[in-house]
Amino acid sequence: MLQARVKKVAKLNLMLLFLAIACALGVVTSQHKARKLFVELQKEQELARQMEIEWGQLQLEQSTWALPSRVEKIASRQLQMQLPKAEKVQFVRMQQGGSK
């Protein structure tokens, strides 16, 4: 009877040992996954920062290209466009209500 009890305790200890090993492996696996996801998160955040910088640069570039003085300069030099003389300018008034 004592020997049977010792065998049961030994089986229980062995089962608890395997359970502890399985839990330890689970912890290690979950920590590894968490670290991988954290590294991936950091990479994506860095990419987002780079894209924000590029967006700011593109907005600055767009505002530079669209400056009225630059547009006027290109229109006069490259396209030979000129402002009309004052006597050539005509104003057209629209009637209210949308009828012609």
N, C-alpha and C. Protein backbone atom coordinates (compact mmCIF):
# COMPACT_ATOMS: atom_id res chain seq x y z
N MET A 1 0.81 -1.18 0.00
CA MET A 1 0.00 0.00 0.00
C MET A 1 0.86 1.26 0.00
N LEU A 2 1.91 1.23 0.79
CA LEU A 2 2.83 2.36 0.84
C LEU A 2 3.55 2.52 -0.48
N GLN A 3 3.89 1.41 -1.09
CA GLN A 3 4.59 1.44 -2.39
C GLN A 3 3.65 2.01 -3.47
N ALA A 4 2.39 1.68 -3.42
CA ALA A 4 1.41 2.19 -4.38
C ALA A 4 1.26 3.70 -4.20
N ARG A 5 1.26 4.15 -2.97
CA ARG A 5 1.15 5.59 -2.68
C ARG A 5 2.39 6.33 -3.19
N VAL A 6 3.55 5.73 -3.02
CA VAL A 6 4.80 6.34 -3.51
C VAL A 6 4.75 6.44 -5.03
N LYS A 7 4.22 5.42 -5.70
CA LYS A 7 4.12 5.45 -7.17
C LYS A 7 3.17 6.56 -7.61
N LYS A 8 2.04 6.72 -6.89
CA LYS A 8 1.09 7.77 -7.23
C LYS A 8 1.73 9.15 -7.06
N VAL A 9 2.45 9.33 -5.97
CA VAL A 9 3.12 10.62 -5.72
C VAL A 9 4.19 10.87 -6.78
N ALA A 10 4.91 9.81 -7.16
CA ALA A 10 5.94 9.95 -8.20
C ALA A 10 5.29 10.31 -9.53
N LYS A 11 4.16 9.68 -9.88
CA LYS A 11 3.45 10.00 -11.12
C LYS A 11 2.94 11.45 -11.08
N LEU A 12 2.41 11.84 -9.91
CA LEU A 12 1.91 13.20 -9.75
C LEU A 12 3.06 14.21 -9.91
N ASN A 13 4.20 13.91 -9.29
CA ASN A 13 5.37 14.80 -9.41
C ASN A 13 5.84 14.88 -10.86
N LEU A 14 5.84 13.76 -11.54
CA LEU A 14 6.26 13.73 -12.94
C LEU A 14 5.29 14.53 -13.82
N MET A 15 4.00 14.37 -13.55
CA MET A 15 2.99 15.10 -14.30
C MET A 15 3.11 16.61 -14.03
N LEU A 16 3.35 16.98 -12.79
CA LEU A 16 3.53 18.39 -12.45
C LEU A 16 4.80 18.96 -13.09
N LEU A 17 5.84 18.15 -13.19
CA LEU A 17 7.07 18.58 -13.84
C LEU A 17 6.82 18.86 -15.32
N PHE A 18 6.12 17.95 -15.99
CA PHE A 18 5.80 18.16 -17.41
C PHE A 18 4.91 19.39 -17.60
N LEU A 19 3.97 19.59 -16.68
CA LEU A 19 3.09 20.75 -16.74
C LEU A 19 3.89 22.04 -16.56
N ALA A 20 4.83 22.02 -15.62
CA ALA A 20 5.68 23.20 -15.40
C ALA A 20 6.54 23.48 -16.63
N ILE A 21 7.08 22.45 -17.26
CA ILE A 21 7.89 22.62 -18.47
C ILE A 21 7.03 23.18 -19.60
N ALA A 22 5.80 22.66 -19.74
CA ALA A 22 4.90 23.15 -20.79
C ALA A 22 4.55 24.62 -20.55
N CYS A 23 4.30 24.99 -19.30
CA CYS A 23 4.00 26.40 -18.98
C CYS A 23 5.21 27.29 -19.27
N ALA A 24 6.39 26.81 -18.92
CA ALA A 24 7.61 27.59 -19.17
C ALA A 24 7.81 27.79 -20.68
N LEU A 25 7.59 26.75 -21.46
CA LEU A 25 7.71 26.87 -22.91
C LEU A 25 6.66 27.85 -23.46
N GLY A 26 5.46 27.81 -22.89
CA GLY A 26 4.43 28.75 -23.30
C GLY A 26 4.81 30.19 -23.01
N VAL A 27 5.41 30.43 -21.86
CA VAL A 27 5.86 31.78 -21.50
C VAL A 27 6.96 32.24 -22.45
N VAL A 28 7.91 31.38 -22.71
CA VAL A 28 9.01 31.73 -23.62
C VAL A 28 8.47 32.03 -25.01
N THR A 29 7.56 31.22 -25.48
CA THR A 29 6.98 31.43 -26.81
C THR A 29 6.21 32.75 -26.88
N SER A 30 5.41 33.02 -25.87
CA SER A 30 4.63 34.26 -25.89
C SER A 30 5.54 35.49 -25.78
N GLN A 31 6.61 35.42 -24.99
CA GLN A 31 7.56 36.54 -24.91
C GLN A 31 8.26 36.76 -26.25
N HIS A 32 8.61 35.68 -26.91
CA HIS A 32 9.26 35.79 -28.21
C HIS A 32 8.33 36.46 -29.22
N LYS A 33 7.07 36.04 -29.23
CA LYS A 33 6.09 36.65 -30.15
C LYS A 33 5.90 38.12 -29.82
N ALA A 34 5.83 38.44 -28.53
CA ALA A 34 5.65 39.84 -28.12
C ALA A 34 6.83 40.69 -28.56
N ARG A 35 8.04 40.17 -28.44
CA ARG A 35 9.22 40.92 -28.88
C ARG A 35 9.22 41.13 -30.39
N LYS A 36 8.85 40.08 -31.13
CA LYS A 36 8.79 40.21 -32.59
C LYS A 36 7.76 41.26 -33.00
N LEU A 37 6.59 41.23 -32.35
CA LEU A 37 5.55 42.21 -32.67
C LEU A 37 5.98 43.63 -32.29
N PHE A 38 6.71 43.77 -31.19
CA PHE A 38 7.18 45.08 -30.77
C PHE A 38 8.20 45.64 -31.76
N VAL A 39 9.09 44.78 -32.25
CA VAL A 39 10.07 45.21 -33.26
C VAL A 39 9.34 45.62 -34.53
N GLU A 40 8.33 44.86 -34.92
CA GLU A 40 7.55 45.20 -36.11
C GLU A 40 6.82 46.53 -35.92
N LEU A 41 6.28 46.74 -34.74
CA LEU A 41 5.60 48.00 -34.42
C LEU A 41 6.58 49.17 -34.53
N GLN A 42 7.77 49.01 -34.02
CA GLN A 42 8.77 50.09 -34.10
C GLN A 42 9.13 50.39 -35.55
N LYS A 43 9.25 49.36 -36.37
CA LYS A 43 9.56 49.57 -37.79
C LYS A 43 8.44 50.34 -38.48
N GLU A 44 7.20 49.97 -38.18
CA GLU A 44 6.06 50.64 -38.80
C GLU A 44 5.95 52.09 -38.32
N GLN A 45 6.26 52.34 -37.05
CA GLN A 45 6.23 53.71 -36.54
C GLN A 45 7.32 54.56 -37.21
N GLU A 46 8.48 53.97 -37.43
CA GLU A 46 9.56 54.69 -38.12
C GLU A 46 9.15 54.99 -39.56
N LEU A 47 8.52 54.03 -40.21
CA LEU A 47 8.04 54.25 -41.57
C LEU A 47 7.00 55.37 -41.60
N ALA A 48 6.12 55.40 -40.61
CA ALA A 48 5.10 56.46 -40.53
C ALA A 48 5.77 57.82 -40.34
N ARG A 49 6.81 57.88 -39.50
CA ARG A 49 7.54 59.16 -39.31
C ARG A 49 8.19 59.61 -40.60
N GLN A 50 8.79 58.68 -41.32
CA GLN A 50 9.43 59.03 -42.60
C GLN A 50 8.40 59.52 -43.60
N MET A 51 7.23 58.89 -43.62
CA MET A 51 6.19 59.32 -44.55
C MET A 51 5.65 60.71 -44.17
N GLU A 52 5.56 61.00 -42.88
CA GLU A 52 5.12 62.33 -42.45
C GLU A 52 6.14 63.39 -42.88
N ILE A 53 7.42 63.08 -42.76
CA ILE A 53 8.46 64.01 -43.20
C ILE A 53 8.36 64.24 -44.70
N GLU A 54 8.19 63.16 -45.45
CA GLU A 54 8.07 63.28 -46.90
C GLU A 54 6.82 64.09 -47.28
N TRP A 55 5.72 63.87 -46.56
CA TRP A 55 4.49 64.61 -46.84
C TRP A 55 4.72 66.11 -46.61
N GLY A 56 5.40 66.45 -45.54
CA GLY A 56 5.71 67.86 -45.27
C GLY A 56 6.58 68.46 -46.37
N GLN A 57 7.56 67.69 -46.83
CA GLN A 57 8.44 68.17 -47.91
C GLN A 57 7.65 68.36 -49.20
N LEU A 58 6.74 67.43 -49.48
CA LEU A 58 5.92 67.55 -50.69
C LEU A 58 4.99 68.76 -50.61
N GLN A 59 4.42 69.02 -49.45
CA GLN A 59 3.57 70.20 -49.29
C GLN A 59 4.37 71.48 -49.49
N LEU A 60 5.58 71.51 -48.95
CA LEU A 60 6.44 72.68 -49.12
C LEU A 60 6.80 72.86 -50.58
N GLU A 61 7.13 71.77 -51.25
CA GLU A 61 7.47 71.83 -52.67
C GLU A 61 6.28 72.32 -53.49
N GLN A 62 5.10 71.81 -53.16
CA GLN A 62 3.90 72.24 -53.89
C GLN A 62 3.64 73.73 -53.70
N SER A 63 3.79 74.22 -52.49
CA SER A 63 3.56 75.64 -52.25
C SER A 63 4.59 76.49 -52.97
N THR A 64 5.81 75.99 -53.10
CA THR A 64 6.86 76.73 -53.81
C THR A 64 6.55 76.78 -55.30
N TRP A 65 6.14 75.65 -55.88
CA TRP A 65 5.85 75.61 -57.32
C TRP A 65 4.63 76.46 -57.67
N ALA A 66 3.72 76.63 -56.72
CA ALA A 66 2.47 77.34 -57.00
C ALA A 66 2.51 78.81 -56.60
N LEU A 67 3.67 79.34 -56.26
CA LEU A 67 3.75 80.75 -55.90
C LEU A 67 3.28 81.61 -57.07
N PRO A 68 2.43 82.60 -56.81
CA PRO A 68 1.93 83.45 -57.89
C PRO A 68 3.06 84.14 -58.67
N SER A 69 4.10 84.56 -57.98
CA SER A 69 5.21 85.22 -58.69
C SER A 69 5.90 84.26 -59.65
N ARG A 70 6.04 83.00 -59.25
CA ARG A 70 6.67 82.01 -60.12
C ARG A 70 5.79 81.72 -61.34
N VAL A 71 4.49 81.58 -61.10
CA VAL A 71 3.56 81.31 -62.20
C VAL A 71 3.56 82.47 -63.18
N GLU A 72 3.55 83.69 -62.66
CA GLU A 72 3.57 84.87 -63.53
C GLU A 72 4.87 84.94 -64.32
N LYS A 73 5.98 84.63 -63.69
CA LYS A 73 7.28 84.66 -64.36
C LYS A 73 7.33 83.65 -65.50
N ILE A 74 6.85 82.44 -65.26
CA ILE A 74 6.85 81.41 -66.30
C ILE A 74 5.90 81.80 -67.43
N ALA A 75 4.74 82.34 -67.06
CA ALA A 75 3.77 82.76 -68.08
C ALA A 75 4.36 83.84 -68.98
N SER A 76 5.08 84.78 -68.42
CA SER A 76 5.61 85.87 -69.25
C SER A 76 6.85 85.44 -70.03
N ARG A 77 7.74 84.68 -69.42
CA ARG A 77 9.00 84.33 -70.10
C ARG A 77 8.86 83.15 -71.07
N GLN A 78 8.31 82.07 -70.59
CA GLN A 78 8.26 80.86 -71.42
C GLN A 78 7.08 80.84 -72.37
N LEU A 79 5.95 81.38 -71.93
CA LEU A 79 4.74 81.32 -72.76
C LEU A 79 4.44 82.66 -73.45
N GLN A 80 5.28 83.66 -73.22
CA GLN A 80 5.11 85.00 -73.79
C GLN A 80 3.70 85.56 -73.53
N MET A 81 3.18 85.31 -72.35
CA MET A 81 1.87 85.85 -71.99
C MET A 81 2.06 87.21 -71.32
N GLN A 82 1.10 88.11 -71.52
CA GLN A 82 1.17 89.44 -70.92
C GLN A 82 -0.20 89.81 -70.39
N LEU A 83 -0.19 90.69 -69.40
CA LEU A 83 -1.46 91.20 -68.90
C LEU A 83 -2.05 92.12 -69.96
N PRO A 84 -3.35 92.09 -70.17
CA PRO A 84 -3.94 92.99 -71.16
C PRO A 84 -3.93 94.44 -70.66
N LYS A 85 -3.96 95.35 -71.59
CA LYS A 85 -3.99 96.77 -71.23
C LYS A 85 -5.35 97.07 -70.60
N ALA A 86 -5.39 98.10 -69.81
CA ALA A 86 -6.60 98.43 -69.06
C ALA A 86 -7.79 98.67 -69.98
N GLU A 87 -7.57 99.29 -71.14
CA GLU A 87 -8.69 99.57 -72.05
C GLU A 87 -9.23 98.32 -72.73
N LYS A 88 -8.48 97.24 -72.69
CA LYS A 88 -8.92 95.98 -73.30
C LYS A 88 -9.71 95.10 -72.32
N VAL A 89 -9.69 95.45 -71.05
CA VAL A 89 -10.37 94.64 -70.03
C VAL A 89 -11.85 95.00 -70.02
N GLN A 90 -12.71 94.00 -70.05
CA GLN A 90 -14.15 94.22 -69.99
C GLN A 90 -14.71 93.42 -68.81
N PHE A 91 -15.63 94.03 -68.09
CA PHE A 91 -16.29 93.36 -66.98
C PHE A 91 -17.69 92.98 -67.41
N VAL A 92 -18.09 91.78 -67.13
CA VAL A 92 -19.42 91.28 -67.47
C VAL A 92 -20.19 91.08 -66.19
N ARG A 93 -21.34 91.69 -66.10
CA ARG A 93 -22.16 91.54 -64.91
C ARG A 93 -23.16 90.42 -65.11
N MET A 94 -23.34 89.65 -64.05
CA MET A 94 -24.34 88.58 -64.10
C MET A 94 -25.63 89.10 -63.48
N GLN A 95 -26.73 88.73 -64.08
CA GLN A 95 -28.02 89.12 -63.53
C GLN A 95 -28.35 88.20 -62.36
N GLN A 96 -28.99 88.75 -61.36
CA GLN A 96 -29.37 87.93 -60.22
C GLN A 96 -30.55 87.06 -60.61
N GLY A 97 -30.64 85.91 -60.03
CA GLY A 97 -31.71 84.97 -60.33
C GLY A 97 -31.31 83.93 -61.35
N GLY A 98 -30.19 84.06 -61.97
CA GLY A 98 -29.67 83.05 -62.88
C GLY A 98 -30.24 83.12 -64.27
N SER A 99 -31.15 84.03 -64.60
CA SER A 99 -31.68 84.09 -65.96
C SER A 99 -30.76 84.93 -66.83
N LYS A 100 -30.75 84.67 -68.15
CA LYS A 100 -29.86 85.36 -69.08
C LYS A 100 -30.46 86.61 -69.61
